[in-house]
N, C-alpha and C. Protein backbone atom coordinates (compact mmCIF):
# COMPACT_ATOMS: atom_id res chain seq x y z
N MET A 1 53.69 4.25 32.51
CA MET A 1 54.11 2.90 33.20
C MET A 1 53.07 2.07 33.65
N ASN A 2 53.01 0.89 33.32
CA ASN A 2 51.70 -0.23 33.53
C ASN A 2 51.69 -0.72 34.63
N ASP A 3 50.38 -0.76 35.47
CA ASP A 3 50.23 -1.25 36.72
C ASP A 3 50.06 -2.64 36.46
N PHE A 4 50.24 -3.48 37.78
CA PHE A 4 50.09 -5.03 37.52
C PHE A 4 49.50 -5.37 38.90
N LYS A 5 48.70 -6.02 39.27
CA LYS A 5 48.49 -6.72 40.56
C LYS A 5 49.58 -7.80 41.19
N VAL A 6 49.36 -7.89 42.23
CA VAL A 6 50.35 -8.80 43.03
C VAL A 6 49.34 -9.59 43.81
N ALA A 7 49.38 -10.84 44.12
CA ALA A 7 48.88 -11.73 44.76
C ALA A 7 49.73 -12.36 46.30
N LEU A 8 49.39 -11.75 47.35
CA LEU A 8 50.05 -12.33 48.26
C LEU A 8 49.50 -13.49 49.05
N LEU A 9 50.03 -14.63 48.84
CA LEU A 9 49.37 -16.58 49.14
C LEU A 9 49.67 -16.29 50.57
N GLN A 10 48.70 -16.55 51.49
CA GLN A 10 49.15 -17.29 52.90
C GLN A 10 48.59 -18.47 52.71
N ILE A 11 49.42 -19.40 53.05
CA ILE A 11 49.29 -20.71 52.52
C ILE A 11 49.78 -21.45 54.04
N ASN A 12 48.94 -22.32 54.60
CA ASN A 12 49.51 -23.15 55.60
C ASN A 12 50.11 -24.39 55.25
N ALA A 13 51.25 -24.41 55.23
CA ALA A 13 52.11 -25.59 55.07
C ALA A 13 52.22 -26.64 55.90
N THR A 14 52.24 -27.85 55.55
CA THR A 14 52.38 -29.13 56.18
C THR A 14 53.60 -29.71 55.82
N SER A 15 53.52 -31.17 56.26
CA SER A 15 54.84 -31.81 56.00
C SER A 15 54.51 -32.29 54.56
N ASN A 16 53.58 -32.54 54.22
CA ASN A 16 53.11 -33.33 52.96
C ASN A 16 53.13 -32.35 51.66
N ILE A 17 54.58 -32.50 50.92
CA ILE A 17 55.14 -31.63 49.94
C ILE A 17 53.99 -31.68 48.61
N GLU A 18 53.36 -33.02 48.51
CA GLU A 18 52.31 -32.87 47.23
C GLU A 18 51.22 -32.11 47.84
N GLU A 19 50.67 -32.18 48.73
CA GLU A 19 49.76 -31.49 48.91
C GLU A 19 49.77 -29.95 49.27
N ASN A 20 50.94 -29.45 49.68
CA ASN A 20 51.35 -28.37 49.90
C ASN A 20 51.66 -27.65 48.11
N LEU A 21 51.98 -28.54 47.00
CA LEU A 21 51.94 -27.89 45.84
C LEU A 21 50.54 -27.80 44.79
N GLU A 22 49.58 -28.95 45.64
CA GLU A 22 48.27 -28.91 45.00
C GLU A 22 47.69 -27.42 45.20
N LYS A 23 47.94 -27.28 46.94
CA LYS A 23 47.19 -26.01 47.50
C LYS A 23 47.90 -24.77 46.75
N GLY A 24 49.12 -24.72 46.57
CA GLY A 24 49.66 -23.81 45.87
C GLY A 24 49.23 -23.33 44.18
N ILE A 25 49.00 -24.47 43.60
CA ILE A 25 48.52 -24.55 42.43
C ILE A 25 47.15 -23.90 42.40
N ALA A 26 45.95 -24.53 43.28
CA ALA A 26 44.93 -24.00 43.45
C ALA A 26 44.91 -22.51 43.67
N TYR A 27 45.47 -22.24 44.94
CA TYR A 27 45.53 -20.31 45.05
C TYR A 27 46.14 -19.59 44.03
N CYS A 28 47.02 -20.26 43.33
CA CYS A 28 47.59 -19.33 42.11
C CYS A 28 46.69 -18.96 41.13
N LYS A 29 45.70 -20.23 40.61
CA LYS A 29 44.70 -20.51 39.77
C LYS A 29 43.52 -19.56 40.37
N LYS A 30 43.15 -19.41 41.40
CA LYS A 30 42.32 -18.53 41.96
C LYS A 30 42.68 -16.85 41.93
N ALA A 31 44.42 -16.98 42.19
CA ALA A 31 44.38 -15.32 41.94
C ALA A 31 44.64 -14.91 40.75
N LYS A 32 44.76 -15.88 39.70
CA LYS A 32 44.53 -15.30 38.32
C LYS A 32 43.14 -14.82 38.12
N GLU A 33 42.24 -15.83 38.53
CA GLU A 33 40.96 -15.40 38.17
C GLU A 33 40.55 -14.28 38.93
N MET A 34 41.26 -13.48 40.01
CA MET A 34 40.97 -12.06 40.74
C MET A 34 41.69 -11.17 40.12
N GLY A 35 42.48 -11.45 39.06
CA GLY A 35 42.84 -10.63 38.24
C GLY A 35 44.64 -10.43 38.55
N ALA A 36 45.27 -11.10 39.24
CA ALA A 36 46.64 -11.11 39.74
C ALA A 36 47.25 -11.35 38.53
N ASP A 37 48.57 -10.74 38.27
CA ASP A 37 49.66 -10.83 37.12
C ASP A 37 50.78 -11.57 37.75
N ILE A 38 50.87 -11.65 39.16
CA ILE A 38 51.94 -12.36 39.85
C ILE A 38 51.46 -12.61 41.03
N ALA A 39 51.95 -13.89 41.64
CA ALA A 39 51.88 -14.81 42.99
C ALA A 39 52.91 -15.08 43.81
N VAL A 40 52.87 -14.08 45.29
CA VAL A 40 54.03 -14.40 45.78
C VAL A 40 53.78 -15.54 47.00
N PHE A 41 54.61 -16.33 47.15
CA PHE A 41 54.18 -17.59 48.10
C PHE A 41 55.24 -17.37 49.25
N PRO A 42 54.52 -18.00 50.26
CA PRO A 42 55.41 -18.00 51.97
C PRO A 42 56.75 -18.69 51.51
N GLU A 43 57.99 -18.35 52.09
CA GLU A 43 59.28 -18.66 51.70
C GLU A 43 59.49 -20.30 51.75
N MET A 44 58.67 -20.85 52.64
CA MET A 44 58.92 -22.47 52.77
C MET A 44 57.76 -23.24 52.21
N PHE A 45 56.81 -22.77 51.71
CA PHE A 45 55.66 -23.44 51.49
C PHE A 45 55.57 -24.62 50.81
N SER A 46 56.67 -24.87 50.11
CA SER A 46 56.61 -26.09 49.27
C SER A 46 57.72 -27.27 49.64
N ASN A 47 58.29 -27.07 50.56
CA ASN A 47 59.65 -28.16 50.74
C ASN A 47 59.26 -28.93 52.23
N GLY A 48 58.14 -29.10 52.40
CA GLY A 48 57.73 -29.89 53.47
C GLY A 48 57.81 -29.63 54.94
N TYR A 49 58.02 -28.06 55.35
CA TYR A 49 58.65 -27.73 56.65
C TYR A 49 57.30 -27.48 57.18
N GLU A 50 57.12 -27.67 58.46
CA GLU A 50 55.91 -27.54 59.13
C GLU A 50 56.06 -26.91 60.28
N HIS A 51 55.51 -25.72 60.75
CA HIS A 51 55.85 -24.84 61.99
C HIS A 51 54.98 -25.74 63.27
N ILE A 52 55.50 -25.91 63.86
CA ILE A 52 54.88 -26.44 65.23
C ILE A 52 54.62 -25.56 66.38
N PHE A 53 53.54 -25.26 66.73
CA PHE A 53 53.43 -24.30 68.10
C PHE A 53 53.62 -25.19 68.89
N TYR A 54 54.04 -24.69 70.33
CA TYR A 54 54.38 -25.46 71.41
C TYR A 54 53.32 -24.69 72.24
N ARG A 55 52.68 -25.47 73.00
CA ARG A 55 51.89 -24.90 74.16
C ARG A 55 52.62 -24.92 75.63
N ILE A 56 52.37 -23.64 76.20
CA ILE A 56 53.15 -23.54 77.30
C ILE A 56 52.15 -24.20 78.42
């Protein structure tokens, strides 16, 4: 069986979909440079969802 490397990408998504996609492409290229065979993105990184943290 052949081994392969998986890159787990932690991307801070914003409401700007174009910016998220540009970040995703850049991180994917970097992962490939580092030897990854596959890159796994956060579930909602590309759809413009932005998590808002509430301060108490």
